[in-house]
N, C-alpha and C. Protein backbone atom coordinates (compact mmCIF):
# COMPACT_ATOMS: atom_id res chain seq x y z
N MET A 1 8.19 31.57 4.14
CA MET A 1 6.77 31.66 4.51
C MET A 1 5.99 30.54 3.80
N THR A 2 5.13 29.88 4.55
CA THR A 2 4.29 28.83 3.97
C THR A 2 3.24 29.45 3.06
N VAL A 3 3.07 28.87 1.89
CA VAL A 3 2.08 29.36 0.94
C VAL A 3 0.96 28.33 0.84
N ALA A 4 -0.26 28.75 1.14
CA ALA A 4 -1.41 27.86 1.03
C ALA A 4 -2.60 28.67 0.52
N HIS A 5 -3.53 27.99 -0.09
CA HIS A 5 -4.68 28.66 -0.69
C HIS A 5 -5.97 27.95 -0.28
N PRO A 6 -7.11 28.63 -0.40
CA PRO A 6 -8.40 27.97 -0.09
C PRO A 6 -8.62 26.79 -1.02
N LEU A 7 -9.47 25.87 -0.58
CA LEU A 7 -9.81 24.72 -1.42
C LEU A 7 -10.43 25.17 -2.73
N PRO A 8 -10.19 24.45 -3.82
CA PRO A 8 -10.92 24.73 -5.06
C PRO A 8 -12.43 24.64 -4.79
N LYS A 9 -13.21 25.46 -5.44
CA LYS A 9 -14.65 25.49 -5.19
C LYS A 9 -15.31 24.14 -5.39
N SER A 10 -14.80 23.36 -6.36
CA SER A 10 -15.41 22.05 -6.62
C SER A 10 -15.26 21.14 -5.41
N LEU A 11 -14.09 21.17 -4.75
CA LEU A 11 -13.88 20.33 -3.58
C LEU A 11 -14.64 20.86 -2.36
N ALA A 12 -14.66 22.17 -2.21
CA ALA A 12 -15.41 22.76 -1.10
C ALA A 12 -16.88 22.40 -1.21
N GLY A 13 -17.39 22.43 -2.44
CA GLY A 13 -18.80 22.09 -2.66
C GLY A 13 -19.09 20.64 -2.30
N ARG A 14 -18.17 19.76 -2.65
CA ARG A 14 -18.36 18.34 -2.32
C ARG A 14 -18.34 18.14 -0.81
N TYR A 15 -17.44 18.88 -0.12
CA TYR A 15 -17.38 18.76 1.33
C TYR A 15 -18.70 19.19 1.96
N HIS A 16 -19.21 20.34 1.55
CA HIS A 16 -20.46 20.83 2.13
C HIS A 16 -21.61 19.86 1.87
N GLY A 17 -21.58 19.22 0.69
CA GLY A 17 -22.62 18.23 0.39
C GLY A 17 -22.53 17.03 1.32
N TRP A 18 -21.28 16.57 1.59
CA TRP A 18 -21.10 15.45 2.51
C TRP A 18 -21.51 15.83 3.92
N LYS A 19 -21.13 17.04 4.36
CA LYS A 19 -21.46 17.47 5.73
C LYS A 19 -22.97 17.53 5.95
N ALA A 20 -23.69 17.91 4.89
CA ALA A 20 -25.14 18.05 5.00
C ALA A 20 -25.87 16.71 4.89
N THR A 21 -25.21 15.70 4.33
CA THR A 21 -25.89 14.41 4.12
C THR A 21 -25.16 13.28 4.85
N GLY A 22 -24.00 12.88 4.32
CA GLY A 22 -23.28 11.75 4.90
C GLY A 22 -22.96 11.92 6.37
N TYR A 23 -22.50 13.10 6.75
CA TYR A 23 -22.19 13.33 8.16
C TYR A 23 -23.45 13.49 8.98
N ALA A 24 -24.38 14.31 8.49
CA ALA A 24 -25.60 14.59 9.25
C ALA A 24 -26.40 13.32 9.55
N GLU A 25 -26.38 12.39 8.60
CA GLU A 25 -27.15 11.17 8.79
C GLU A 25 -26.43 10.15 9.68
N ASN A 26 -25.15 10.37 9.93
CA ASN A 26 -24.37 9.43 10.74
C ASN A 26 -23.59 10.14 11.84
N LYS A 27 -24.14 11.23 12.32
CA LYS A 27 -23.44 12.06 13.29
C LYS A 27 -23.06 11.29 14.55
N THR A 28 -23.95 10.46 15.03
CA THR A 28 -23.67 9.70 16.25
C THR A 28 -22.47 8.79 16.08
N TRP A 29 -22.38 8.14 14.91
CA TRP A 29 -21.27 7.24 14.62
C TRP A 29 -19.95 8.00 14.57
N TYR A 30 -19.93 9.15 13.92
CA TYR A 30 -18.70 9.93 13.83
C TYR A 30 -18.26 10.43 15.21
N ARG A 31 -19.20 10.84 16.02
CA ARG A 31 -18.86 11.32 17.36
C ARG A 31 -18.35 10.17 18.24
N ARG A 32 -18.89 8.99 18.01
CA ARG A 32 -18.40 7.83 18.76
C ARG A 32 -16.96 7.49 18.34
N LEU A 33 -16.69 7.55 17.04
CA LEU A 33 -15.33 7.31 16.56
C LEU A 33 -14.35 8.30 17.17
N ALA A 34 -14.76 9.56 17.21
CA ALA A 34 -13.89 10.60 17.76
C ALA A 34 -13.63 10.39 19.25
N ALA A 35 -14.66 9.96 19.98
CA ALA A 35 -14.53 9.81 21.43
C ALA A 35 -13.80 8.55 21.83
N GLU A 36 -14.02 7.45 21.09
CA GLU A 36 -13.46 6.16 21.49
C GLU A 36 -12.15 5.82 20.80
N GLY A 37 -11.75 6.61 19.81
CA GLY A 37 -10.52 6.32 19.09
C GLY A 37 -10.72 5.24 18.05
N GLN A 38 -9.63 4.90 17.35
CA GLN A 38 -9.74 3.91 16.29
C GLN A 38 -9.33 2.53 16.78
N HIS A 39 -10.03 1.53 16.25
CA HIS A 39 -9.74 0.14 16.60
C HIS A 39 -9.83 -0.72 15.34
N PRO A 40 -9.03 -0.42 14.33
CA PRO A 40 -9.11 -1.17 13.08
C PRO A 40 -8.61 -2.60 13.26
N ARG A 41 -9.23 -3.52 12.53
CA ARG A 41 -8.80 -4.91 12.60
C ARG A 41 -7.67 -5.19 11.62
N ALA A 42 -7.55 -4.33 10.61
CA ALA A 42 -6.55 -4.60 9.57
C ALA A 42 -5.84 -3.33 9.15
N MET A 43 -4.58 -3.51 8.77
CA MET A 43 -3.82 -2.46 8.10
C MET A 43 -3.74 -2.83 6.63
N ILE A 44 -3.98 -1.85 5.75
CA ILE A 44 -3.83 -2.08 4.32
C ILE A 44 -2.73 -1.17 3.80
N ILE A 45 -1.75 -1.77 3.14
CA ILE A 45 -0.67 -1.02 2.50
C ILE A 45 -0.94 -1.07 1.01
N SER A 46 -1.29 0.05 0.43
CA SER A 46 -1.66 0.09 -0.98
C SER A 46 -0.92 1.21 -1.69
N CYS A 47 -1.10 1.27 -3.00
CA CYS A 47 -0.42 2.27 -3.81
C CYS A 47 -1.11 3.63 -3.72
N CYS A 48 -0.36 4.69 -3.99
CA CYS A 48 -0.92 6.04 -4.02
C CYS A 48 -1.84 6.26 -5.22
N ASP A 49 -1.79 5.37 -6.20
CA ASP A 49 -2.56 5.52 -7.43
C ASP A 49 -4.01 5.88 -7.13
N SER A 50 -4.51 6.95 -7.76
CA SER A 50 -5.86 7.44 -7.46
C SER A 50 -6.95 6.46 -7.87
N ARG A 51 -6.61 5.47 -8.70
CA ARG A 51 -7.61 4.49 -9.13
C ARG A 51 -7.79 3.36 -8.12
N VAL A 52 -6.89 3.29 -7.15
CA VAL A 52 -6.96 2.24 -6.13
C VAL A 52 -7.81 2.75 -4.97
N HIS A 53 -8.96 2.14 -4.75
CA HIS A 53 -9.90 2.62 -3.73
C HIS A 53 -10.25 1.45 -2.82
N VAL A 54 -9.40 1.23 -1.82
CA VAL A 54 -9.54 0.02 -1.01
C VAL A 54 -10.83 -0.01 -0.21
N THR A 55 -11.30 1.13 0.27
CA THR A 55 -12.53 1.10 1.05
C THR A 55 -13.73 0.72 0.20
N SER A 56 -13.74 1.13 -1.07
CA SER A 56 -14.83 0.74 -1.96
C SER A 56 -14.77 -0.75 -2.28
N LEU A 57 -13.56 -1.28 -2.49
CA LEU A 57 -13.41 -2.70 -2.81
C LEU A 57 -14.02 -3.60 -1.73
N PHE A 58 -13.87 -3.19 -0.47
CA PHE A 58 -14.35 -4.02 0.62
C PHE A 58 -15.61 -3.47 1.30
N GLY A 59 -16.18 -2.41 0.73
CA GLY A 59 -17.37 -1.81 1.32
C GLY A 59 -17.14 -1.37 2.75
N ALA A 60 -15.96 -0.82 3.00
CA ALA A 60 -15.57 -0.48 4.38
C ALA A 60 -16.05 0.90 4.80
N ASP A 61 -16.30 1.05 6.06
CA ASP A 61 -16.71 2.33 6.64
C ASP A 61 -15.53 2.92 7.41
N GLN A 62 -15.70 4.15 7.89
CA GLN A 62 -14.66 4.79 8.69
C GLN A 62 -14.35 3.94 9.91
N GLY A 63 -13.07 3.85 10.25
CA GLY A 63 -12.67 3.13 11.45
C GLY A 63 -12.34 1.66 11.23
N GLU A 64 -12.60 1.13 10.03
CA GLU A 64 -12.36 -0.29 9.81
C GLU A 64 -10.92 -0.62 9.42
N PHE A 65 -10.31 0.24 8.60
CA PHE A 65 -8.97 -0.03 8.10
C PHE A 65 -8.00 1.08 8.49
N PHE A 66 -6.80 0.67 8.86
CA PHE A 66 -5.68 1.60 9.01
C PHE A 66 -4.95 1.54 7.69
N ILE A 67 -4.98 2.61 6.91
CA ILE A 67 -4.51 2.58 5.53
C ILE A 67 -3.23 3.40 5.37
N HIS A 68 -2.23 2.77 4.78
CA HIS A 68 -0.99 3.48 4.42
C HIS A 68 -0.79 3.33 2.93
N ARG A 69 -0.52 4.46 2.25
CA ARG A 69 -0.33 4.42 0.81
C ARG A 69 1.04 4.99 0.46
N ASN A 70 1.69 4.35 -0.50
CA ASN A 70 2.95 4.87 -1.01
C ASN A 70 3.11 4.43 -2.46
N ILE A 71 4.18 4.85 -3.10
CA ILE A 71 4.41 4.46 -4.48
C ILE A 71 4.64 2.95 -4.57
N ALA A 72 3.75 2.27 -5.30
CA ALA A 72 3.86 0.84 -5.60
C ALA A 72 3.71 -0.07 -4.39
N ASN A 73 3.02 0.41 -3.35
CA ASN A 73 2.70 -0.40 -2.17
C ASN A 73 3.89 -1.21 -1.63
N LEU A 74 5.05 -0.54 -1.56
CA LEU A 74 6.26 -1.22 -1.12
C LEU A 74 6.53 -1.01 0.38
N VAL A 75 7.07 -2.04 1.00
CA VAL A 75 7.53 -1.95 2.38
C VAL A 75 9.04 -2.13 2.36
N PRO A 76 9.79 -1.20 2.93
CA PRO A 76 11.25 -1.36 2.98
C PRO A 76 11.62 -2.38 4.05
N PRO A 77 12.84 -2.89 4.03
CA PRO A 77 13.28 -3.77 5.11
C PRO A 77 13.46 -2.98 6.40
N TYR A 78 13.53 -3.68 7.50
CA TYR A 78 13.75 -3.08 8.81
C TYR A 78 15.13 -2.42 8.86
N GLU A 79 15.15 -1.10 9.03
CA GLU A 79 16.40 -0.34 9.05
C GLU A 79 16.35 0.69 10.17
N PRO A 80 16.68 0.30 11.40
CA PRO A 80 16.63 1.24 12.54
C PRO A 80 17.86 2.14 12.57
N ASP A 81 17.96 3.03 11.58
CA ASP A 81 19.15 3.87 11.45
C ASP A 81 18.94 5.29 11.97
N GLY A 82 17.80 5.54 12.60
CA GLY A 82 17.55 6.86 13.17
C GLY A 82 17.07 7.88 12.16
N LEU A 83 16.88 7.47 10.91
CA LEU A 83 16.39 8.40 9.88
C LEU A 83 14.87 8.33 9.80
N ARG A 84 14.30 9.10 8.88
CA ARG A 84 12.84 9.17 8.77
C ARG A 84 12.32 8.07 7.85
N HIS A 85 11.41 7.28 8.37
CA HIS A 85 10.86 6.16 7.60
C HIS A 85 9.34 6.14 7.76
N GLY A 86 8.64 6.75 6.81
CA GLY A 86 7.19 6.86 6.93
C GLY A 86 6.46 5.53 6.92
N THR A 87 6.82 4.67 5.98
CA THR A 87 6.14 3.37 5.91
C THR A 87 6.46 2.52 7.12
N SER A 88 7.71 2.49 7.52
CA SER A 88 8.09 1.70 8.70
C SER A 88 7.39 2.21 9.96
N ALA A 89 7.24 3.53 10.06
CA ALA A 89 6.54 4.11 11.21
C ALA A 89 5.08 3.68 11.23
N ALA A 90 4.46 3.65 10.05
CA ALA A 90 3.06 3.23 9.97
C ALA A 90 2.90 1.77 10.37
N VAL A 91 3.83 0.92 9.92
CA VAL A 91 3.78 -0.50 10.28
C VAL A 91 3.97 -0.67 11.78
N GLU A 92 4.93 0.05 12.35
CA GLU A 92 5.18 -0.04 13.79
C GLU A 92 3.95 0.36 14.59
N TYR A 93 3.33 1.46 14.19
CA TYR A 93 2.16 1.95 14.93
C TYR A 93 1.00 0.95 14.82
N ALA A 94 0.80 0.42 13.61
CA ALA A 94 -0.30 -0.52 13.40
C ALA A 94 -0.15 -1.77 14.26
N VAL A 95 1.08 -2.28 14.34
CA VAL A 95 1.31 -3.55 15.04
C VAL A 95 1.45 -3.37 16.54
N THR A 96 2.22 -2.38 16.96
CA THR A 96 2.52 -2.25 18.40
C THR A 96 1.51 -1.41 19.16
N ALA A 97 0.88 -0.44 18.51
CA ALA A 97 -0.08 0.42 19.21
C ALA A 97 -1.53 0.00 18.93
N LEU A 98 -1.86 -0.15 17.65
CA LEU A 98 -3.24 -0.51 17.29
C LEU A 98 -3.49 -2.01 17.40
N LYS A 99 -2.41 -2.77 17.34
CA LYS A 99 -2.49 -4.24 17.44
C LYS A 99 -3.46 -4.83 16.42
N VAL A 100 -3.28 -4.44 15.18
CA VAL A 100 -4.12 -4.98 14.11
C VAL A 100 -3.91 -6.49 14.01
N ALA A 101 -4.95 -7.18 13.56
CA ALA A 101 -4.87 -8.63 13.43
C ALA A 101 -4.40 -9.05 12.04
N ASN A 102 -4.48 -8.14 11.09
CA ASN A 102 -4.11 -8.46 9.71
C ASN A 102 -3.36 -7.29 9.07
N ILE A 103 -2.34 -7.61 8.27
CA ILE A 103 -1.73 -6.62 7.40
C ILE A 103 -1.90 -7.13 5.97
N ILE A 104 -2.50 -6.28 5.14
CA ILE A 104 -2.77 -6.63 3.75
C ILE A 104 -1.96 -5.73 2.84
N VAL A 105 -1.13 -6.32 2.01
CA VAL A 105 -0.38 -5.57 0.99
C VAL A 105 -1.14 -5.75 -0.32
N MET A 106 -1.57 -4.65 -0.91
CA MET A 106 -2.38 -4.75 -2.12
C MET A 106 -1.74 -4.03 -3.30
N GLY A 107 -1.31 -4.80 -4.30
CA GLY A 107 -0.80 -4.24 -5.54
C GLY A 107 -1.94 -4.09 -6.54
N HIS A 108 -1.61 -3.59 -7.72
CA HIS A 108 -2.67 -3.37 -8.71
C HIS A 108 -2.10 -3.34 -10.12
N SER A 109 -2.99 -3.46 -11.09
CA SER A 109 -2.60 -3.42 -12.50
C SER A 109 -2.26 -2.00 -12.93
N SER A 110 -1.52 -1.88 -14.01
CA SER A 110 -1.16 -0.58 -14.60
C SER A 110 -0.47 0.34 -13.60
N CYS A 111 0.40 -0.21 -12.78
CA CYS A 111 1.08 0.58 -11.75
C CYS A 111 2.20 1.41 -12.37
N GLY A 112 2.10 2.71 -12.26
CA GLY A 112 3.11 3.60 -12.83
C GLY A 112 4.46 3.46 -12.18
N GLY A 113 4.48 3.22 -10.86
CA GLY A 113 5.74 3.06 -10.16
C GLY A 113 6.49 1.83 -10.63
N VAL A 114 5.77 0.74 -10.79
CA VAL A 114 6.39 -0.50 -11.26
C VAL A 114 6.90 -0.34 -12.68
N ARG A 115 6.10 0.29 -13.54
CA ARG A 115 6.55 0.53 -14.92
C ARG A 115 7.80 1.41 -14.92
N GLY A 116 7.82 2.40 -14.03
CA GLY A 116 8.99 3.27 -13.93
C GLY A 116 10.24 2.48 -13.55
N TYR A 117 10.08 1.55 -12.61
CA TYR A 117 11.24 0.75 -12.22
C TYR A 117 11.70 -0.13 -13.39
N PHE A 118 10.74 -0.73 -14.09
CA PHE A 118 11.10 -1.57 -15.23
C PHE A 118 11.86 -0.76 -16.28
N ASP A 119 11.38 0.45 -16.56
CA ASP A 119 12.07 1.31 -17.53
C ASP A 119 13.46 1.68 -17.03
N MET A 120 13.58 1.97 -15.74
CA MET A 120 14.88 2.31 -15.16
C MET A 120 15.83 1.12 -15.25
N ALA A 121 15.32 -0.07 -14.91
CA ALA A 121 16.17 -1.26 -14.90
C ALA A 121 16.63 -1.65 -16.30
N THR A 122 15.84 -1.27 -17.30
CA THR A 122 16.19 -1.62 -18.68
C THR A 122 16.81 -0.44 -19.44
N GLY A 123 17.21 0.59 -18.70
CA GLY A 123 17.93 1.71 -19.30
C GLY A 123 17.09 2.71 -20.05
N LYS A 124 15.78 2.69 -19.85
CA LYS A 124 14.89 3.58 -20.60
C LYS A 124 14.43 4.79 -19.78
N ALA A 125 14.88 4.90 -18.55
CA ALA A 125 14.46 6.03 -17.71
C ALA A 125 15.66 6.57 -16.94
N PRO A 126 16.58 7.22 -17.62
CA PRO A 126 17.78 7.74 -16.93
C PRO A 126 17.45 8.76 -15.85
N GLU A 127 16.31 9.45 -15.99
CA GLU A 127 15.94 10.43 -14.97
C GLU A 127 15.65 9.76 -13.64
N LEU A 128 15.15 8.51 -13.67
CA LEU A 128 14.91 7.78 -12.42
C LEU A 128 16.20 7.18 -11.87
N ALA A 129 17.12 6.84 -12.75
CA ALA A 129 18.41 6.29 -12.32
C ALA A 129 19.28 7.35 -11.65
N ASP A 130 18.98 8.62 -11.92
CA ASP A 130 19.74 9.71 -11.33
C ASP A 130 19.58 9.68 -9.80
N GLY A 131 20.65 9.92 -9.11
CA GLY A 131 20.65 9.83 -7.65
C GLY A 131 19.71 10.80 -6.96
N SER A 132 19.28 11.85 -7.65
CA SER A 132 18.40 12.84 -7.03
C SER A 132 16.93 12.47 -7.12
N SER A 133 16.59 11.38 -7.79
CA SER A 133 15.19 10.99 -7.96
C SER A 133 14.68 10.24 -6.73
N PHE A 134 13.71 10.80 -6.05
CA PHE A 134 13.10 10.12 -4.91
C PHE A 134 12.38 8.85 -5.37
N VAL A 135 11.69 8.95 -6.51
CA VAL A 135 10.96 7.78 -7.02
C VAL A 135 11.93 6.66 -7.37
N GLY A 136 13.00 7.01 -8.06
CA GLY A 136 13.97 6.00 -8.45
C GLY A 136 14.57 5.27 -7.28
N ARG A 137 14.96 6.02 -6.25
CA ARG A 137 15.58 5.37 -5.09
C ARG A 137 14.56 4.50 -4.35
N TRP A 138 13.33 4.98 -4.26
CA TRP A 138 12.29 4.20 -3.59
C TRP A 138 12.02 2.90 -4.34
N MET A 139 11.92 3.00 -5.65
CA MET A 139 11.56 1.83 -6.45
C MET A 139 12.68 0.79 -6.50
N GLU A 140 13.89 1.17 -6.10
CA GLU A 140 14.97 0.18 -6.04
C GLU A 140 14.66 -0.95 -5.05
N LEU A 141 13.68 -0.71 -4.18
CA LEU A 141 13.24 -1.77 -3.27
C LEU A 141 12.73 -2.98 -4.04
N LEU A 142 12.32 -2.76 -5.29
CA LEU A 142 11.76 -3.84 -6.11
C LEU A 142 12.83 -4.70 -6.78
N GLU A 143 14.09 -4.35 -6.60
CA GLU A 143 15.16 -5.07 -7.29
C GLU A 143 15.15 -6.59 -7.06
N PRO A 144 14.94 -7.06 -5.82
CA PRO A 144 14.91 -8.52 -5.62
C PRO A 144 13.82 -9.20 -6.45
N GLY A 145 12.66 -8.53 -6.57
CA GLY A 145 11.58 -9.09 -7.37
C GLY A 145 11.92 -9.10 -8.85
N TYR A 146 12.55 -8.04 -9.31
CA TYR A 146 12.96 -7.97 -10.71
C TYR A 146 13.96 -9.06 -11.04
N ASP A 147 14.89 -9.30 -10.13
CA ASP A 147 15.89 -10.34 -10.34
C ASP A 147 15.24 -11.71 -10.49
N ARG A 148 14.08 -11.91 -9.84
CA ARG A 148 13.42 -13.22 -9.91
C ARG A 148 12.71 -13.45 -11.25
N VAL A 149 12.31 -12.37 -11.93
CA VAL A 149 11.49 -12.55 -13.13
C VAL A 149 12.15 -12.09 -14.42
N LYS A 150 13.26 -11.38 -14.35
CA LYS A 150 13.82 -10.74 -15.54
C LYS A 150 14.22 -11.71 -16.64
N GLU A 151 14.55 -12.93 -16.28
CA GLU A 151 14.96 -13.90 -17.29
C GLU A 151 13.79 -14.65 -17.90
N SER A 152 12.63 -14.55 -17.28
CA SER A 152 11.49 -15.37 -17.73
C SER A 152 10.36 -14.58 -18.35
N CYS A 153 10.51 -13.25 -18.49
CA CYS A 153 9.42 -12.46 -19.07
C CYS A 153 10.00 -11.32 -19.89
N SER A 154 9.12 -10.68 -20.67
CA SER A 154 9.55 -9.53 -21.47
C SER A 154 8.34 -8.64 -21.76
N GLY A 155 8.61 -7.36 -22.00
CA GLY A 155 7.55 -6.42 -22.38
C GLY A 155 6.47 -6.28 -21.33
N PRO A 156 5.19 -6.10 -21.78
CA PRO A 156 4.07 -5.89 -20.86
C PRO A 156 3.90 -7.04 -19.86
N GLU A 157 4.26 -8.23 -20.28
CA GLU A 157 4.16 -9.40 -19.41
C GLU A 157 5.03 -9.21 -18.16
N CYS A 158 6.15 -8.52 -18.33
CA CYS A 158 7.05 -8.28 -17.21
C CYS A 158 6.44 -7.30 -16.21
N ILE A 159 5.71 -6.32 -16.70
CA ILE A 159 5.07 -5.34 -15.80
C ILE A 159 4.09 -6.05 -14.89
N ASP A 160 3.27 -6.92 -15.47
CA ASP A 160 2.30 -7.67 -14.68
C ASP A 160 3.00 -8.51 -13.61
N ALA A 161 4.07 -9.19 -14.02
CA ALA A 161 4.82 -10.02 -13.07
C ALA A 161 5.45 -9.17 -11.97
N LEU A 162 5.98 -7.99 -12.34
CA LEU A 162 6.62 -7.12 -11.35
C LEU A 162 5.62 -6.54 -10.36
N GLU A 163 4.41 -6.27 -10.82
CA GLU A 163 3.38 -5.76 -9.90
C GLU A 163 3.12 -6.77 -8.80
N LYS A 164 3.11 -8.03 -9.16
CA LYS A 164 2.91 -9.09 -8.17
C LYS A 164 4.17 -9.28 -7.31
N GLU A 165 5.33 -9.11 -7.93
CA GLU A 165 6.57 -9.20 -7.17
C GLU A 165 6.66 -8.11 -6.11
N ALA A 166 6.11 -6.93 -6.41
CA ALA A 166 6.11 -5.84 -5.43
C ALA A 166 5.37 -6.26 -4.17
N VAL A 167 4.29 -7.01 -4.33
CA VAL A 167 3.55 -7.51 -3.18
C VAL A 167 4.40 -8.51 -2.41
N LYS A 168 5.07 -9.42 -3.12
CA LYS A 168 5.89 -10.44 -2.48
C LYS A 168 7.10 -9.83 -1.76
N VAL A 169 7.73 -8.84 -2.39
CA VAL A 169 8.87 -8.17 -1.75
C VAL A 169 8.42 -7.52 -0.44
N SER A 170 7.25 -6.89 -0.46
CA SER A 170 6.75 -6.23 0.75
C SER A 170 6.44 -7.24 1.84
N LEU A 171 5.86 -8.37 1.48
CA LEU A 171 5.57 -9.41 2.48
C LEU A 171 6.87 -9.93 3.09
N ASP A 172 7.87 -10.14 2.25
CA ASP A 172 9.18 -10.59 2.76
C ASP A 172 9.78 -9.56 3.71
N ASN A 173 9.71 -8.29 3.31
CA ASN A 173 10.32 -7.24 4.13
C ASN A 173 9.57 -7.03 5.44
N LEU A 174 8.27 -7.25 5.44
CA LEU A 174 7.52 -7.11 6.69
C LEU A 174 8.06 -8.04 7.77
N LEU A 175 8.47 -9.22 7.37
CA LEU A 175 8.96 -10.19 8.34
C LEU A 175 10.36 -9.87 8.86
N THR A 176 11.01 -8.85 8.29
CA THR A 176 12.30 -8.42 8.84
C THR A 176 12.11 -7.51 10.06
N PHE A 177 10.88 -7.03 10.28
CA PHE A 177 10.59 -6.20 11.46
C PHE A 177 10.37 -7.14 12.64
N PRO A 178 11.19 -7.04 13.69
CA PRO A 178 11.07 -7.98 14.82
C PRO A 178 9.67 -8.04 15.42
N PHE A 179 9.02 -6.88 15.56
CA PHE A 179 7.70 -6.88 16.19
C PHE A 179 6.64 -7.50 15.28
N VAL A 180 6.85 -7.45 13.96
CA VAL A 180 5.94 -8.13 13.04
C VAL A 180 6.16 -9.64 13.11
N ALA A 181 7.42 -10.06 13.02
CA ALA A 181 7.74 -11.49 13.08
C ALA A 181 7.26 -12.11 14.38
N ASP A 182 7.42 -11.38 15.48
CA ASP A 182 6.98 -11.88 16.78
C ASP A 182 5.47 -12.06 16.82
N ALA A 183 4.73 -11.06 16.31
CA ALA A 183 3.27 -11.14 16.31
C ALA A 183 2.78 -12.28 15.42
N VAL A 184 3.47 -12.48 14.28
CA VAL A 184 3.11 -13.59 13.39
C VAL A 184 3.38 -14.92 14.10
N ASP A 185 4.52 -15.04 14.76
CA ASP A 185 4.86 -16.28 15.47
C ASP A 185 3.85 -16.58 16.57
N ARG A 186 3.33 -15.54 17.22
CA ARG A 186 2.36 -15.74 18.30
C ARG A 186 0.94 -15.91 17.76
N GLU A 187 0.81 -15.88 16.45
CA GLU A 187 -0.49 -15.98 15.78
C GLU A 187 -1.43 -14.84 16.19
N ALA A 188 -0.82 -13.69 16.53
CA ALA A 188 -1.59 -12.49 16.81
C ALA A 188 -1.76 -11.64 15.55
N LEU A 189 -1.03 -12.00 14.49
CA LEU A 189 -1.04 -11.22 13.26
C LEU A 189 -0.89 -12.15 12.06
N THR A 190 -1.67 -11.89 11.01
CA THR A 190 -1.51 -12.62 9.76
C THR A 190 -1.24 -11.63 8.64
N LEU A 191 -0.43 -12.07 7.68
CA LEU A 191 -0.06 -11.24 6.53
C LEU A 191 -0.77 -11.76 5.29
N HIS A 192 -1.17 -10.83 4.42
CA HIS A 192 -1.90 -11.19 3.22
C HIS A 192 -1.38 -10.37 2.03
N GLY A 193 -1.33 -10.99 0.87
CA GLY A 193 -0.94 -10.29 -0.35
C GLY A 193 -2.06 -10.33 -1.36
N LEU A 194 -2.42 -9.17 -1.92
CA LEU A 194 -3.49 -9.08 -2.91
C LEU A 194 -3.01 -8.32 -4.13
N TRP A 195 -3.64 -8.60 -5.27
CA TRP A 195 -3.39 -7.84 -6.50
C TRP A 195 -4.73 -7.56 -7.15
N ASN A 196 -4.98 -6.30 -7.45
CA ASN A 196 -6.26 -5.86 -8.00
C ASN A 196 -6.13 -5.51 -9.48
N ASP A 197 -6.92 -6.17 -10.32
CA ASP A 197 -7.01 -5.82 -11.74
C ASP A 197 -8.05 -4.70 -11.85
N ILE A 198 -7.57 -3.48 -12.02
CA ILE A 198 -8.47 -2.32 -11.99
C ILE A 198 -9.54 -2.39 -13.09
N GLY A 199 -9.11 -2.71 -14.30
CA GLY A 199 -10.04 -2.71 -15.42
C GLY A 199 -11.12 -3.76 -15.33
N GLU A 200 -10.78 -4.92 -14.80
CA GLU A 200 -11.74 -6.02 -14.72
C GLU A 200 -12.43 -6.10 -13.36
N GLY A 201 -11.90 -5.39 -12.38
CA GLY A 201 -12.48 -5.45 -11.04
C GLY A 201 -12.16 -6.73 -10.29
N ASP A 202 -11.16 -7.48 -10.78
CA ASP A 202 -10.81 -8.75 -10.15
C ASP A 202 -9.81 -8.57 -9.02
N LEU A 203 -9.87 -9.47 -8.06
CA LEU A 203 -8.96 -9.45 -6.92
C LEU A 203 -8.31 -10.83 -6.80
N TRP A 204 -6.99 -10.84 -6.69
CA TRP A 204 -6.22 -12.07 -6.59
C TRP A 204 -5.45 -12.08 -5.27
N TRP A 205 -5.29 -13.26 -4.67
CA TRP A 205 -4.54 -13.37 -3.41
C TRP A 205 -3.31 -14.24 -3.62
N TYR A 206 -2.25 -13.93 -2.88
CA TYR A 206 -1.00 -14.66 -3.01
C TYR A 206 -1.00 -15.88 -2.11
N ASP A 207 -0.76 -17.05 -2.72
CA ASP A 207 -0.66 -18.30 -1.99
C ASP A 207 0.81 -18.70 -1.96
N PRO A 208 1.47 -18.53 -0.82
CA PRO A 208 2.91 -18.82 -0.75
C PRO A 208 3.22 -20.31 -0.87
N THR A 209 2.24 -21.18 -0.64
CA THR A 209 2.51 -22.61 -0.72
C THR A 209 2.79 -23.06 -2.16
N VAL A 210 2.28 -22.29 -3.12
CA VAL A 210 2.54 -22.61 -4.52
C VAL A 210 3.20 -21.44 -5.25
N ASP A 211 3.51 -20.39 -4.50
CA ASP A 211 4.14 -19.19 -5.06
C ASP A 211 3.37 -18.67 -6.27
N ALA A 212 2.06 -18.46 -6.08
CA ALA A 212 1.23 -17.99 -7.19
C ALA A 212 0.05 -17.19 -6.65
N PHE A 213 -0.50 -16.33 -7.51
CA PHE A 213 -1.70 -15.57 -7.16
C PHE A 213 -2.93 -16.30 -7.67
N LYS A 214 -3.97 -16.37 -6.83
CA LYS A 214 -5.19 -17.05 -7.18
C LYS A 214 -6.38 -16.10 -7.04
N PRO A 215 -7.43 -16.27 -7.83
CA PRO A 215 -8.58 -15.37 -7.72
C PRO A 215 -9.27 -15.52 -6.36
N VAL A 216 -9.70 -14.39 -5.81
CA VAL A 216 -10.42 -14.41 -4.53
C VAL A 216 -11.83 -14.94 -4.77
């Protein structure tokens, strides 16, 4: 039997406040969104981290972004094996059904998933190395990025480098999807990599021509 409970009073109260103000003042817009469907120009793949708030960063309203969140903003390679792939499904829908013009992969500072992978790779997190860990198996997607930086960094410096590598790994893996590569070739789709410094509020973009992140 499914077990579910009413919303905590604090959340219910916030909802009622929004319904009475934010919704009431923009009712026509919400009804138009419901009737006409979504037509986002961009898909954003970001981390589940509660401190990452992509709509606030860009001052976006409802209907502007198709947002997919997962641990460490990773995109797996194209694997049409008939199994369940949430991130791949989101990418497919964004490109083939919504026909977004941009896909943005956004990493961030102090990423717990990236730190977890670093600890696992350096033998400090045996619980993640265990085959039963969903987080550990997911974060293994970062291995190619770790291989690129492990000889040139150490300690906290490595975490920062790996957070950016997570963005690069995802951009590389996006191009393994035939429908993504085709849209990019036809110039119907552009890919972007970003890294957000949460504490400083800074945003950096990945420039593949010099293989470096630059301030926006």
